[in-house]
């Protein structure tokens, strides 16, 4: 069993013990807890996966853009040397 100890300043209460196992198991038995486990968390995982995929695509495009800009810069320098 886990406990959280909190110190609350400027009060007579120095420690508050919360039994996490009991509170969490009771929460997951509620309708809101079931909705969280069965619906919200899987949806959150799917959204995070989509965000990760989009970030990977963006990074690949940025990398290609950087390589192309580097080539253009080299060609511009080469052309300038030819004309000089």
N, C-alpha and C. Protein backbone atom coordinates (compact mmCIF):
# COMPACT_ATOMS: atom_id res chain seq x y z
N UNK A 1 0.85 -1.18 0.00
CA UNK A 1 0.00 0.00 0.00
C UNK A 1 0.89 1.24 0.00
N UNK A 2 0.51 2.25 -0.77
CA UNK A 2 1.27 3.47 -0.88
C UNK A 2 0.61 4.59 -0.09
N UNK A 3 1.42 5.49 0.42
CA UNK A 3 0.91 6.65 1.14
C UNK A 3 1.56 7.90 0.59
N UNK A 4 0.80 8.97 0.57
CA UNK A 4 1.35 10.29 0.25
C UNK A 4 1.28 11.11 1.52
N UNK A 5 2.40 11.72 1.89
CA UNK A 5 2.42 12.58 3.07
C UNK A 5 2.54 14.01 2.60
N UNK A 6 1.63 14.84 3.01
CA UNK A 6 1.64 16.24 2.63
C UNK A 6 1.78 17.10 3.87
N UNK A 7 2.59 18.11 3.79
CA UNK A 7 2.69 19.08 4.88
C UNK A 7 1.89 20.30 4.47
N UNK A 8 0.96 20.69 5.28
CA UNK A 8 0.12 21.84 4.99
C UNK A 8 0.55 22.97 5.92
N UNK A 9 1.27 23.98 5.40
CA UNK A 9 1.76 25.05 6.26
C UNK A 9 0.63 25.90 6.84
N UNK A 10 0.92 26.51 7.97
CA UNK A 10 0.01 27.45 8.64
C UNK A 10 -1.32 26.81 9.04
N UNK A 11 -1.30 25.52 9.30
CA UNK A 11 -2.50 24.84 9.80
C UNK A 11 -2.08 23.91 10.93
N UNK A 12 -3.04 23.40 11.65
CA UNK A 12 -2.75 22.43 12.70
C UNK A 12 -2.51 21.05 12.11
N UNK A 13 -2.90 20.85 10.84
CA UNK A 13 -2.72 19.55 10.19
C UNK A 13 -1.31 19.50 9.61
N UNK A 14 -0.50 18.58 10.11
CA UNK A 14 0.87 18.50 9.62
C UNK A 14 1.01 17.46 8.52
N UNK A 15 0.29 16.36 8.62
CA UNK A 15 0.40 15.32 7.61
C UNK A 15 -0.99 14.80 7.25
N UNK A 16 -1.18 14.56 5.99
CA UNK A 16 -2.42 13.96 5.51
C UNK A 16 -2.01 12.69 4.79
N UNK A 17 -2.56 11.58 5.24
CA UNK A 17 -2.24 10.31 4.61
C UNK A 17 -3.39 9.92 3.68
N UNK A 18 -3.03 9.60 2.46
CA UNK A 18 -4.03 9.19 1.48
C UNK A 18 -3.70 7.77 1.03
N UNK A 19 -4.61 6.88 1.18
CA UNK A 19 -4.39 5.51 0.75
C UNK A 19 -4.67 5.42 -0.75
N UNK A 20 -3.61 5.42 -1.53
CA UNK A 20 -3.73 5.50 -2.98
C UNK A 20 -4.41 4.27 -3.57
N UNK A 21 -4.03 3.09 -3.13
CA UNK A 21 -4.62 1.88 -3.71
C UNK A 21 -6.13 1.87 -3.57
N UNK A 22 -6.62 2.23 -2.41
CA UNK A 22 -8.06 2.21 -2.17
C UNK A 22 -8.76 3.27 -3.00
N UNK A 23 -8.23 4.47 -3.01
CA UNK A 23 -8.85 5.57 -3.75
C UNK A 23 -8.88 5.26 -5.24
N UNK A 24 -7.76 4.78 -5.79
CA UNK A 24 -7.71 4.50 -7.22
C UNK A 24 -8.62 3.35 -7.60
N UNK A 25 -8.64 2.29 -6.80
CA UNK A 25 -9.51 1.17 -7.16
C UNK A 25 -10.98 1.57 -7.07
N UNK A 26 -11.31 2.43 -6.14
CA UNK A 26 -12.69 2.92 -6.06
C UNK A 26 -13.01 3.81 -7.25
N UNK A 27 -12.06 4.64 -7.65
CA UNK A 27 -12.29 5.52 -8.79
C UNK A 27 -12.55 4.71 -10.06
N UNK A 28 -11.76 3.66 -10.30
CA UNK A 28 -11.91 2.89 -11.53
C UNK A 28 -13.17 2.06 -11.56
N UNK A 29 -13.84 1.93 -10.44
CA UNK A 29 -15.14 1.25 -10.41
C UNK A 29 -16.28 2.19 -10.78
N UNK A 30 -16.02 3.48 -10.77
CA UNK A 30 -17.06 4.45 -11.10
C UNK A 30 -17.24 4.56 -12.61
N UNK A 31 -18.33 5.17 -13.02
CA UNK A 31 -18.59 5.37 -14.45
C UNK A 31 -17.50 6.25 -15.07
N UNK A 32 -17.09 7.29 -14.36
CA UNK A 32 -16.05 8.17 -14.87
C UNK A 32 -14.71 7.43 -14.99
N UNK A 33 -14.41 6.57 -14.03
CA UNK A 33 -13.18 5.79 -14.08
C UNK A 33 -13.17 4.82 -15.24
N UNK A 34 -14.29 4.16 -15.48
CA UNK A 34 -14.40 3.22 -16.62
C UNK A 34 -14.25 3.98 -17.94
N UNK A 35 -14.88 5.16 -18.01
CA UNK A 35 -14.78 5.98 -19.23
C UNK A 35 -13.32 6.36 -19.48
N UNK A 36 -12.60 6.70 -18.41
CA UNK A 36 -11.19 7.07 -18.54
C UNK A 36 -10.38 5.90 -19.08
N UNK A 37 -10.55 4.74 -18.48
CA UNK A 37 -9.78 3.56 -18.87
C UNK A 37 -10.19 3.03 -20.24
N UNK A 38 -11.48 2.95 -20.49
CA UNK A 38 -11.96 2.32 -21.73
C UNK A 38 -12.00 3.27 -22.92
N UNK A 39 -12.09 4.57 -22.68
CA UNK A 39 -12.25 5.49 -23.80
C UNK A 39 -11.20 6.56 -23.89
N UNK A 40 -11.03 7.32 -22.82
CA UNK A 40 -10.16 8.50 -22.89
C UNK A 40 -8.69 8.16 -23.06
N UNK A 41 -8.20 7.19 -22.31
CA UNK A 41 -6.77 6.84 -22.41
C UNK A 41 -6.44 6.24 -23.78
N UNK A 42 -7.24 5.29 -24.31
CA UNK A 42 -6.94 4.80 -25.66
C UNK A 42 -7.01 5.91 -26.72
N UNK A 43 -7.98 6.82 -26.59
CA UNK A 43 -8.05 7.95 -27.52
C UNK A 43 -6.81 8.83 -27.40
N UNK A 44 -6.36 9.06 -26.20
CA UNK A 44 -5.17 9.87 -25.97
C UNK A 44 -3.94 9.21 -26.60
N UNK A 45 -3.83 7.91 -26.46
CA UNK A 45 -2.71 7.18 -27.06
C UNK A 45 -2.76 7.31 -28.59
N UNK A 46 -3.94 7.18 -29.17
CA UNK A 46 -4.06 7.31 -30.63
C UNK A 46 -3.66 8.70 -31.10
N UNK A 47 -4.10 9.71 -30.38
CA UNK A 47 -3.77 11.09 -30.75
C UNK A 47 -2.27 11.32 -30.63
N UNK A 48 -1.65 10.81 -29.57
CA UNK A 48 -0.20 10.96 -29.41
C UNK A 48 0.57 10.24 -30.52
N UNK A 49 0.08 9.08 -30.94
CA UNK A 49 0.71 8.36 -32.06
C UNK A 49 0.61 9.17 -33.35
N UNK A 50 -0.55 9.79 -33.59
CA UNK A 50 -0.71 10.62 -34.79
C UNK A 50 0.22 11.83 -34.74
N UNK A 51 0.35 12.44 -33.57
CA UNK A 51 1.25 13.58 -33.42
C UNK A 51 2.69 13.14 -33.70
N UNK A 52 3.08 12.00 -33.17
CA UNK A 52 4.44 11.49 -33.40
C UNK A 52 4.69 11.24 -34.88
N UNK A 53 3.71 10.66 -35.56
CA UNK A 53 3.84 10.40 -37.00
C UNK A 53 4.00 11.70 -37.77
N UNK A 54 3.19 12.69 -37.44
CA UNK A 54 3.28 13.98 -38.13
C UNK A 54 4.62 14.67 -37.86
N UNK A 55 5.12 14.58 -36.65
CA UNK A 55 6.43 15.16 -36.33
C UNK A 55 7.55 14.48 -37.11
N UNK A 56 7.46 13.15 -37.25
CA UNK A 56 8.45 12.42 -38.03
C UNK A 56 8.41 12.88 -39.49
N UNK A 57 7.22 13.01 -40.05
CA UNK A 57 7.09 13.48 -41.43
C UNK A 57 7.66 14.88 -41.59
N UNK A 58 7.33 15.75 -40.65
CA UNK A 58 7.82 17.12 -40.69
C UNK A 58 9.35 17.15 -40.63
N UNK A 59 9.92 16.34 -39.75
CA UNK A 59 11.38 16.30 -39.63
C UNK A 59 12.04 15.81 -40.91
N UNK A 60 11.44 14.81 -41.56
CA UNK A 60 11.99 14.31 -42.82
C UNK A 60 11.93 15.38 -43.90
N UNK A 61 10.81 16.10 -43.97
CA UNK A 61 10.69 17.17 -44.96
C UNK A 61 11.68 18.30 -44.68
N UNK A 62 11.85 18.65 -43.42
CA UNK A 62 12.82 19.69 -43.05
C UNK A 62 14.24 19.27 -43.42
N UNK A 63 14.54 18.00 -43.22
CA UNK A 63 15.86 17.49 -43.58
C UNK A 63 16.08 17.57 -45.09
N UNK A 64 15.08 17.16 -45.86
CA UNK A 64 15.18 17.26 -47.33
C UNK A 64 15.34 18.70 -47.77
N UNK A 65 14.58 19.60 -47.15
CA UNK A 65 14.67 21.02 -47.48
C UNK A 65 16.07 21.54 -47.19
N UNK A 66 16.64 21.15 -46.06
CA UNK A 66 17.99 21.58 -45.69
C UNK A 66 19.01 21.10 -46.71
N UNK A 67 18.90 19.83 -47.14
CA UNK A 67 19.83 19.27 -48.12
C UNK A 67 19.72 20.02 -49.44
N UNK A 68 18.49 20.31 -49.87
CA UNK A 68 18.29 21.04 -51.13
C UNK A 68 18.84 22.46 -51.04
N UNK A 69 18.61 23.14 -49.92
CA UNK A 69 19.14 24.49 -49.75
C UNK A 69 20.67 24.48 -49.74
N UNK A 70 21.25 23.46 -49.15
CA UNK A 70 22.70 23.32 -49.14
C UNK A 70 23.23 23.13 -50.56
N UNK A 71 22.57 22.31 -51.37
CA UNK A 71 22.97 22.11 -52.76
C UNK A 71 22.86 23.41 -53.56
N UNK A 72 21.77 24.15 -53.36
CA UNK A 72 21.59 25.42 -54.06
C UNK A 72 22.71 26.38 -53.69
N UNK A 73 23.05 26.43 -52.42
CA UNK A 73 24.12 27.32 -51.98
C UNK A 73 25.45 26.94 -52.62
N UNK A 74 25.76 25.64 -52.69
CA UNK A 74 27.01 25.18 -53.32
C UNK A 74 27.02 25.53 -54.80
N UNK A 75 25.88 25.32 -55.48
CA UNK A 75 25.80 25.64 -56.90
C UNK A 75 25.94 27.15 -57.14
N UNK A 76 25.36 27.95 -56.26
CA UNK A 76 25.47 29.40 -56.38
C UNK A 76 26.92 29.83 -56.21
N UNK A 77 27.62 29.25 -55.27
CA UNK A 77 29.04 29.59 -55.04
C UNK A 77 29.86 29.15 -56.25
N UNK A 78 29.57 27.96 -56.75
CA UNK A 78 30.30 27.45 -57.92
C UNK A 78 30.08 28.36 -59.13
N UNK A 79 28.82 28.78 -59.33
CA UNK A 79 28.49 29.67 -60.45
C UNK A 79 29.17 31.02 -60.29
N UNK A 80 29.22 31.53 -59.08
CA UNK A 80 29.87 32.82 -58.83
C UNK A 80 31.37 32.72 -59.12
N UNK A 81 31.99 31.62 -58.78
CA UNK A 81 33.42 31.43 -59.05
C UNK A 81 33.68 31.35 -60.54
N UNK A 82 32.77 30.72 -61.29
CA UNK A 82 32.90 30.62 -62.74
C UNK A 82 32.85 32.00 -63.38
N UNK A 83 31.91 32.82 -62.92
CA UNK A 83 31.70 34.14 -63.52
C UNK A 83 32.74 35.16 -63.06
N UNK A 84 33.47 34.86 -62.03
CA UNK A 84 34.44 35.83 -61.51
C UNK A 84 35.72 35.86 -62.27
